[in-house]
Amino acid sequence: MPTIASIDKLFTQATESKAMPGMVAVAATDKGTVYEGAFGKRELGKDAPMTVDSVVWIASMTKAITATAAMQLIERGKLSLDRPASEVVSGLSAAKVLEGFDAAGKPRLRSPRRPITLQHLLTHTAGFAYEIWRPEIAQYQSVTGTPGITTCADAALTTPLLFDPGDRWEYGISIDWIGKMVETVSGQKLDRYFQDNIFGPLGMKDTSFKLSASQRARLASVHQRDDKGGLAPIEFALPEDPEFLMGGGGLYGTARDYLAFTQMILQGGKLGGAQVLRPDTVDLMAQNHIASLDIPFIKTAAPGLSNDVDLFPGMRKGWGLSFLINTLEAPTGRAAGSLAWAGLANTYFWIDRAKRVSGVFLSQLLPFYDHTAIDLFGKFETEVYRALR
């Protein structure tokens, strides 16, 4: 198991001081693993150590996998980036733009000026949002009795748009709709499709929507940080029998499994003998598809679930299909044009196609964009690049 002493020391200090619960970090180039380490406990107050094969809720790291499924179906001629997505899932034709609320608190809705496409959904420009960052959505859910997305109830997908498709970037439930599109055109449930077309070929045996007994035995608990910085485990579980499988955030997995996925993207859609995507498809996914738009500062509307999110302060950011793109070299050494994203419980990954390295950092901790976790992730990344030099 390759380790880097400076990272080991940093992560040991963070977990021994209880600044962090358990953490796993892995990184690899196309030549092999550069770093692998696990620190702390799966649950604070209990004995079980965090291990490299500990299972965590990867939340929105699910999105890139769902996007990969959609891109496979584009390759097979079953989906198109620019046709109206409602031709595939009719439910999308009901999406309306929220213009505000009247004096009685009733939502004012209008039809969008253009149809939502798969490209809009993949780039978070469809107009959908999350209640965690947009109070209007929370208000809409409250006055209409619409459930939140983590209920995995179909009604959760009926929240309105905040603007006309293509006008802005706003992070939201778009990728859950893509999950529905994948199911419709493939004729398979999302878990089966992922297993047959992504997880099986890549050897991702520990990534799934439903936990097996073996995964449950290795599951790390989600922790909550209080306003004094203290950590405590909380009850957290997604519905066992969901109405829909959440393509935007429903997966559990391990660091090694996700590293295999990032390496497939890094290596042009191929890992070992498995060709999951064509090289030109990966190139298309890695392009900035929102060049005229910028990704703004993301202000929290639910401080218990997320802090404010300021990605690469002072840098213009792009979005691919479906990845964050840093347009300049990052202070860590990450090359311009690299791909990345994250999950709500402070899980992070990056894919640097120029310098041929990818890494995964997993913790289980709310609120999102935890300052200690972000600091450690940044230092981990910096040390990986230093070791590669």
Protein backbone atom coordinates (compact mmCIF):
# COMPACT_ATOMS: atom_id res chain seq x y z
CA MET A 1 0.00 0.00 0.00
CA PRO A 2 1.87 3.14 -1.17
CA THR A 3 1.87 5.94 1.41
CA ILE A 4 3.29 9.45 1.58
CA ALA A 5 4.63 10.28 5.06
CA SER A 6 3.49 13.92 5.04
CA ILE A 7 -0.12 12.90 4.27
CA ASP A 8 -0.08 10.12 6.88
CA LYS A 9 1.09 12.59 9.52
CA LEU A 10 -1.50 15.22 8.61
CA PHE A 11 -4.43 12.77 8.58
CA THR A 12 -3.31 11.05 11.78
CA GLN A 13 -3.20 14.41 13.59
CA ALA A 14 -6.65 15.40 12.27
CA THR A 15 -8.30 12.18 13.43
CA GLU A 16 -6.43 11.82 16.74
CA SER A 17 -7.41 15.37 17.71
CA LYS A 18 -11.05 14.52 16.77
CA ALA A 19 -11.05 17.39 14.27
CA MET A 20 -12.24 14.75 11.79
CA PRO A 21 -14.00 11.37 12.15
CA GLY A 22 -12.73 8.69 9.76
CA MET A 23 -11.13 9.47 6.38
CA VAL A 24 -9.91 7.50 3.40
CA ALA A 25 -7.71 8.99 0.66
CA VAL A 26 -6.43 7.33 -2.51
CA ALA A 27 -4.64 8.61 -5.60
CA ALA A 28 -3.27 7.00 -8.76
CA THR A 29 -1.68 7.77 -12.09
CA ASP A 30 -2.27 5.68 -15.20
CA LYS A 31 0.84 3.72 -14.11
CA GLY A 32 -0.56 2.68 -10.71
CA THR A 33 -1.53 3.71 -7.19
CA VAL A 34 0.44 6.63 -5.72
CA TYR A 35 -1.19 6.81 -2.30
CA GLU A 36 -3.63 4.84 -0.18
CA GLY A 37 -4.50 5.50 3.44
CA ALA A 38 -7.34 5.25 5.99
CA PHE A 39 -7.46 7.08 9.33
CA GLY A 40 -9.70 7.49 12.35
CA LYS A 41 -12.87 5.59 13.20
CA ARG A 42 -15.89 4.60 11.15
CA GLU A 43 -17.94 6.05 14.01
CA LEU A 44 -16.61 8.32 16.75
CA GLY A 45 -16.98 6.65 20.16
CA LYS A 46 -16.72 3.15 18.68
CA ASP A 47 -13.70 0.95 18.02
CA ALA A 48 -14.04 -0.01 14.35
CA PRO A 49 -11.26 1.71 12.39
CA MET A 50 -11.78 3.38 9.05
CA THR A 51 -10.21 1.13 6.41
CA VAL A 52 -9.49 1.52 2.71
CA ASP A 53 -12.53 -0.68 1.99
CA SER A 54 -14.88 1.21 4.34
CA VAL A 55 -18.20 2.01 2.64
CA VAL A 56 -19.54 5.57 2.59
CA TRP A 57 -22.48 7.43 1.09
CA ILE A 58 -20.87 9.09 -1.93
CA ALA A 59 -23.94 11.29 -2.56
CA SER A 60 -23.39 13.63 -5.54
CA MET A 61 -20.32 11.71 -6.68
CA THR A 62 -23.13 9.52 -8.11
CA LYS A 63 -23.76 12.24 -10.72
CA ALA A 64 -20.68 11.58 -12.86
CA ILE A 65 -21.63 7.88 -12.99
CA THR A 66 -25.18 8.67 -14.13
CA ALA A 67 -23.74 11.07 -16.71
CA THR A 68 -21.45 8.28 -17.94
CA ALA A 69 -24.50 6.02 -18.40
CA ALA A 70 -26.23 8.75 -20.42
CA MET A 71 -23.13 9.24 -22.59
CA GLN A 72 -22.99 5.48 -23.29
CA LEU A 73 -26.60 5.68 -24.48
CA ILE A 74 -25.71 8.65 -26.70
CA GLU A 75 -22.95 6.50 -28.22
CA ARG A 76 -25.56 3.80 -28.89
CA GLY A 77 -27.91 6.29 -30.54
CA LYS A 78 -30.56 5.97 -27.82
CA LEU A 79 -30.22 9.47 -26.36
CA SER A 80 -29.37 12.86 -27.84
CA LEU A 81 -27.84 15.92 -26.16
CA ASP A 82 -30.03 18.47 -27.91
CA ARG A 83 -33.49 16.94 -28.42
CA PRO A 84 -36.16 17.89 -25.87
CA ALA A 85 -35.67 15.54 -22.90
CA SER A 86 -39.46 15.35 -22.44
CA GLU A 87 -39.53 13.15 -25.58
CA VAL A 88 -37.88 10.52 -23.37
CA VAL A 89 -39.48 11.25 -19.97
CA SER A 90 -42.82 12.96 -20.41
CA GLY A 91 -42.82 14.18 -16.81
CA LEU A 92 -40.31 16.88 -17.78
CA SER A 93 -42.89 18.60 -19.98
CA ALA A 94 -44.71 19.64 -16.78
CA ALA A 95 -41.71 21.67 -15.49
CA LYS A 96 -42.63 25.34 -14.98
CA VAL A 97 -40.54 28.38 -14.07
CA LEU A 98 -41.18 29.79 -10.57
CA GLU A 99 -41.57 33.58 -10.74
CA GLY A 100 -42.29 34.06 -7.06
CA PHE A 101 -45.21 33.74 -4.66
CA ASP A 102 -48.42 35.78 -4.56
CA ALA A 103 -49.78 37.62 -1.48
CA ALA A 104 -51.47 34.41 -0.31
CA GLY A 105 -48.16 32.52 -0.62
CA LYS A 106 -49.23 30.59 -3.70
CA PRO A 107 -46.43 29.94 -6.25
CA ARG A 108 -46.57 31.98 -9.49
CA LEU A 109 -45.54 29.66 -12.34
CA ARG A 110 -45.13 30.05 -16.09
CA SER A 111 -44.08 27.83 -18.97
CA PRO A 112 -40.35 27.86 -19.85
CA ARG A 113 -39.33 29.70 -23.03
CA ARG A 114 -37.50 26.68 -24.43
CA PRO A 115 -37.57 22.92 -23.84
CA ILE A 116 -35.13 21.24 -21.44
CA THR A 117 -32.49 19.13 -23.20
CA LEU A 118 -30.17 16.42 -21.91
CA GLN A 119 -27.34 18.94 -22.36
CA HIS A 120 -29.13 21.38 -20.01
CA LEU A 121 -29.58 18.60 -17.45
CA LEU A 122 -25.94 17.45 -17.65
CA THR A 123 -24.61 21.00 -17.26
CA HIS A 124 -26.99 22.15 -14.48
CA THR A 125 -28.42 24.85 -16.74
CA ALA A 126 -31.98 23.41 -16.92
CA GLY A 127 -33.22 25.64 -14.10
CA PHE A 128 -33.64 22.99 -11.41
CA ALA A 129 -32.24 23.69 -7.93
CA TYR A 130 -31.85 22.14 -4.47
CA GLU A 131 -33.62 23.41 -1.36
CA ILE A 132 -30.29 23.21 0.51
CA TRP A 133 -29.03 26.26 -1.42
CA ARG A 134 -32.22 27.92 -2.66
CA PRO A 135 -34.83 29.06 -0.12
CA GLU A 136 -37.45 29.51 -2.89
CA ILE A 137 -37.41 25.74 -3.45
CA ALA A 138 -37.80 25.05 0.28
CA GLN A 139 -40.71 27.51 0.32
CA TYR A 140 -42.29 25.85 -2.72
CA GLN A 141 -41.95 22.40 -1.11
CA SER A 142 -43.48 23.70 2.09
CA VAL A 143 -46.54 25.40 0.51
CA THR A 144 -47.25 22.57 -1.95
CA GLY A 145 -46.36 19.61 0.29
CA THR A 146 -43.68 18.48 -2.20
CA PRO A 147 -41.19 16.09 -0.58
CA GLY A 148 -37.43 16.74 -0.54
CA ILE A 149 -35.16 14.86 -2.93
CA THR A 150 -33.64 12.44 -0.37
CA THR A 151 -37.11 10.91 0.18
CA CYS A 152 -36.54 9.34 -3.29
CA ALA A 153 -40.27 9.88 -3.90
CA ASP A 154 -41.24 10.63 -7.53
CA ALA A 155 -43.06 13.77 -6.34
CA ALA A 156 -39.67 15.17 -5.22
CA LEU A 157 -38.77 15.60 -8.91
CA THR A 158 -41.64 18.04 -9.51
CA THR A 159 -39.99 21.15 -8.05
CA PRO A 160 -40.08 24.12 -10.45
CA LEU A 161 -37.31 25.73 -12.48
CA LEU A 162 -35.81 29.01 -11.25
CA PHE A 163 -35.08 30.32 -14.77
CA ASP A 164 -35.43 29.39 -18.43
CA PRO A 165 -33.31 26.42 -19.55
CA GLY A 166 -29.87 27.54 -20.70
CA ASP A 167 -29.95 30.97 -19.03
CA ARG A 168 -27.85 30.28 -15.93
CA TRP A 169 -25.96 27.63 -13.96
CA GLU A 170 -27.70 26.39 -10.83
CA TYR A 171 -26.90 23.16 -9.03
CA GLY A 172 -29.93 20.94 -8.65
CA ILE A 173 -31.93 17.77 -9.29
CA SER A 174 -31.23 17.59 -13.05
CA ILE A 175 -29.20 14.39 -12.82
CA ASP A 176 -32.07 12.56 -11.10
CA TRP A 177 -34.10 13.22 -14.25
CA ILE A 178 -31.20 11.80 -16.30
CA GLY A 179 -31.44 8.62 -14.20
CA LYS A 180 -35.07 8.36 -15.34
CA MET A 181 -33.98 8.87 -18.97
CA VAL A 182 -31.36 6.11 -18.68
CA GLU A 183 -33.99 3.73 -17.29
CA THR A 184 -36.52 4.61 -20.00
CA VAL A 185 -34.29 4.08 -23.02
CA SER A 186 -32.29 1.13 -21.64
CA GLY A 187 -35.34 -0.71 -20.28
CA GLN A 188 -33.38 -1.42 -17.08
CA LYS A 189 -33.53 -0.08 -13.54
CA LEU A 190 -30.59 2.21 -12.80
CA ASP A 191 -28.86 -0.24 -10.44
CA ARG A 192 -28.97 -3.01 -13.05
CA TYR A 193 -27.81 -0.70 -15.83
CA PHE A 194 -24.88 0.58 -13.75
CA GLN A 195 -23.93 -2.97 -12.76
CA ASP A 196 -23.95 -4.29 -16.34
CA ASN A 197 -22.35 -1.30 -18.06
CA ILE A 198 -20.11 0.48 -15.53
CA PHE A 199 -19.56 -1.29 -12.17
CA GLY A 200 -19.13 -4.82 -13.58
CA PRO A 201 -16.66 -3.83 -16.32
CA LEU A 202 -14.65 -1.60 -13.92
CA GLY A 203 -14.63 -4.12 -11.06
CA MET A 204 -16.51 -1.72 -8.75
CA LYS A 205 -17.88 -4.49 -6.55
CA ASP A 206 -18.63 -2.26 -3.55
CA THR A 207 -20.68 0.49 -5.23
CA SER A 208 -24.48 0.24 -5.11
CA PHE A 209 -27.78 1.90 -4.21
CA LYS A 210 -28.70 -0.89 -1.78
CA LEU A 211 -26.21 -2.10 0.82
CA SER A 212 -25.32 -5.79 0.99
CA ALA A 213 -24.62 -7.40 4.39
CA SER A 214 -20.88 -7.16 3.66
CA GLN A 215 -21.12 -3.45 2.78
CA ARG A 216 -23.26 -2.69 5.83
CA ALA A 217 -20.62 -4.32 8.05
CA ARG A 218 -18.05 -1.81 6.68
CA LEU A 219 -20.34 1.25 6.58
CA ALA A 220 -19.03 4.50 8.10
CA SER A 221 -21.49 6.63 10.05
CA VAL A 222 -22.36 10.17 8.99
CA HIS A 223 -21.30 12.77 11.57
CA GLN A 224 -22.56 16.29 12.23
CA ARG A 225 -20.26 19.16 13.19
CA ASP A 226 -21.81 21.60 15.68
CA ASP A 227 -21.15 25.35 15.72
CA LYS A 228 -18.35 24.86 18.27
CA GLY A 229 -16.56 22.43 15.93
CA GLY A 230 -17.49 19.25 17.84
CA LEU A 231 -18.47 16.08 15.99
CA ALA A 232 -21.18 13.52 16.76
CA PRO A 233 -22.56 10.59 14.72
CA ILE A 234 -26.13 11.05 13.44
CA GLU A 235 -28.82 8.70 12.18
CA PHE A 236 -28.64 8.78 8.41
CA ALA A 237 -30.04 6.39 5.82
CA LEU A 238 -31.62 6.73 2.41
CA PRO A 239 -34.97 4.91 1.93
CA GLU A 240 -34.52 1.13 1.65
CA ASP A 241 -37.35 0.84 -0.88
CA PRO A 242 -37.22 4.08 -2.91
CA GLU A 243 -39.77 5.09 -5.56
CA PHE A 244 -36.84 6.04 -7.78
CA LEU A 245 -33.11 5.35 -7.63
CA MET A 246 -31.43 8.70 -7.10
CA GLY A 247 -29.07 9.16 -10.05
CA GLY A 248 -28.07 12.48 -8.51
CA GLY A 249 -26.96 11.15 -5.15
CA GLY A 250 -28.07 7.67 -4.17
CA LEU A 251 -24.91 5.57 -4.31
CA TYR A 252 -22.76 4.10 -1.57
CA GLY A 253 -19.21 3.06 -2.40
CA THR A 254 -15.54 2.79 -1.48
CA ALA A 255 -12.47 4.87 -2.29
CA ARG A 256 -10.88 2.15 -4.43
CA ASP A 257 -14.07 1.68 -6.45
CA TYR A 258 -14.42 5.39 -7.17
CA LEU A 259 -10.73 5.64 -8.00
CA ALA A 260 -11.30 2.98 -10.69
CA PHE A 261 -14.08 5.16 -12.14
CA THR A 262 -11.83 8.26 -12.16
CA GLN A 263 -9.04 6.27 -13.80
CA MET A 264 -11.43 5.13 -16.55
CA ILE A 265 -12.18 8.81 -17.32
CA LEU A 266 -8.47 9.70 -17.03
CA GLN A 267 -7.54 6.96 -19.49
CA GLY A 268 -10.01 7.98 -22.19
CA GLY A 269 -12.90 5.72 -21.21
CA LYS A 270 -10.84 2.56 -20.75
CA LEU A 271 -9.55 0.68 -17.72
CA GLY A 272 -7.72 -2.61 -18.05
CA GLY A 273 -9.59 -4.48 -20.76
CA ALA A 274 -12.87 -2.62 -20.26
CA GLN A 275 -13.84 0.13 -22.74
CA VAL A 276 -16.66 1.94 -20.93
CA LEU A 277 -16.72 5.07 -23.13
CA ARG A 278 -15.10 6.06 -26.41
CA PRO A 279 -12.12 8.46 -26.14
CA ASP A 280 -14.00 11.15 -28.12
CA THR A 281 -16.94 10.87 -25.70
CA VAL A 282 -14.63 11.47 -22.72
CA ASP A 283 -13.13 14.47 -24.58
CA LEU A 284 -16.64 15.85 -25.04
CA MET A 285 -17.45 15.30 -21.34
CA ALA A 286 -14.24 17.13 -20.37
CA GLN A 287 -15.01 20.27 -22.40
CA ASN A 288 -16.48 23.37 -20.78
CA HIS A 289 -20.08 23.44 -22.00
CA ILE A 290 -21.10 26.62 -20.15
CA ALA A 291 -18.36 28.95 -21.43
CA SER A 292 -20.60 32.06 -21.50
CA LEU A 293 -21.80 31.39 -17.94
CA ASP A 294 -19.93 31.32 -14.64
CA ILE A 295 -20.50 29.19 -11.57
CA PRO A 296 -21.37 31.62 -8.81
CA PHE A 297 -20.67 31.61 -5.07
CA ILE A 298 -23.17 29.09 -3.64
CA LYS A 299 -24.86 30.45 -0.53
CA THR A 300 -26.37 27.99 1.92
CA ALA A 301 -30.09 27.98 2.74
CA ALA A 302 -29.66 25.05 5.17
CA PRO A 303 -26.59 25.63 7.39
CA GLY A 304 -26.92 22.21 9.07
CA LEU A 305 -26.44 20.52 5.69
CA SER A 306 -24.05 22.82 3.87
CA ASN A 307 -21.75 25.75 4.47
CA ASP A 308 -21.42 28.42 1.79
CA VAL A 309 -19.49 26.97 -1.14
CA ASP A 310 -16.80 29.09 -2.78
CA LEU A 311 -15.05 26.95 -5.39
CA PHE A 312 -11.63 28.20 -6.56
CA PRO A 313 -12.15 31.79 -5.33
CA GLY A 314 -11.32 34.39 -7.97
CA MET A 315 -11.18 31.83 -10.81
CA ARG A 316 -13.72 31.43 -13.61
CA LYS A 317 -15.12 27.92 -13.46
CA GLY A 318 -16.54 25.75 -16.18
CA TRP A 319 -18.82 22.72 -16.25
CA GLY A 320 -18.52 19.64 -18.41
CA LEU A 321 -20.82 16.61 -18.75
CA SER A 322 -21.01 16.43 -15.66
CA PHE A 323 -17.91 17.79 -13.92
CA LEU A 324 -16.62 21.01 -12.41
CA ILE A 325 -13.72 22.38 -14.49
CA ASN A 326 -11.02 24.70 -13.11
CA THR A 327 -10.04 27.01 -15.99
CA LEU A 328 -6.62 27.89 -14.49
CA GLU A 329 -4.01 25.80 -12.67
CA ALA A 330 -5.02 25.35 -9.03
CA PRO A 331 -2.67 26.19 -6.12
CA THR A 332 -2.41 22.44 -5.35
CA GLY A 333 -0.82 21.71 -8.73
CA ARG A 334 -4.03 20.51 -10.40
CA ALA A 335 -3.74 21.39 -14.11
CA ALA A 336 -6.15 23.79 -15.79
CA GLY A 337 -9.01 21.91 -17.43
CA SER A 338 -9.15 19.18 -14.77
CA LEU A 339 -12.44 17.57 -13.74
CA ALA A 340 -13.85 17.30 -10.24
CA TRP A 341 -16.88 17.13 -8.00
CA ALA A 342 -18.00 16.15 -4.54
CA GLY A 343 -20.68 14.64 -2.32
CA LEU A 344 -22.71 16.25 0.46
CA ALA A 345 -21.07 14.35 3.34
CA ASN A 346 -17.64 15.81 2.41
CA THR A 347 -16.48 13.35 -0.24
CA TYR A 348 -14.32 14.77 -3.05
CA PHE A 349 -12.51 13.68 -6.20
CA TRP A 350 -10.45 15.17 -9.00
CA ILE A 351 -9.28 13.92 -12.40
CA ASP A 352 -6.27 15.64 -13.98
CA ARG A 353 -6.01 14.43 -17.58
CA ALA A 354 -2.99 16.65 -18.34
CA LYS A 355 -0.79 15.44 -15.48
CA ARG A 356 -2.34 11.93 -15.57
CA VAL A 357 -3.42 11.71 -11.94
CA SER A 358 -6.71 11.33 -10.10
CA GLY A 359 -7.57 11.20 -6.41
CA VAL A 360 -10.47 10.50 -4.06
CA PHE A 361 -10.98 11.80 -0.50
CA LEU A 362 -13.84 10.33 1.55
CA SER A 363 -15.20 11.37 4.93
CA GLN A 364 -18.74 11.23 6.35
CA LEU A 365 -19.50 14.57 7.81
CA LEU A 366 -22.09 17.35 7.58
CA PRO A 367 -22.37 20.21 6.80
CA PHE A 368 -20.91 20.07 3.28
CA TYR A 369 -17.79 22.08 2.44
CA ASP A 370 -16.49 21.60 5.96
CA HIS A 371 -13.44 23.85 6.38
CA THR A 372 -11.30 21.17 8.03
CA ALA A 373 -12.20 18.58 5.36
CA ILE A 374 -11.55 21.03 2.50
CA ASP A 375 -8.22 22.02 4.02
CA LEU A 376 -7.16 18.36 4.35
CA PHE A 377 -8.33 17.52 0.83
CA GLY A 378 -6.30 20.44 -0.54
CA LYS A 379 -3.19 19.42 1.40
CA PHE A 380 -3.62 15.79 0.31
CA GLU A 381 -3.80 16.89 -3.32
CA THR A 382 -0.78 19.19 -2.94
CA GLU A 383 1.32 16.38 -1.42
CA VAL A 384 0.30 13.97 -4.20
CA TYR A 385 1.54 16.42 -6.85
CA ARG A 386 4.71 17.04 -4.85
CA ALA A 387 5.39 13.29 -4.73
CA LEU A 388 4.86 13.01 -8.50
CA ARG A 389 7.44 15.74 -9.20
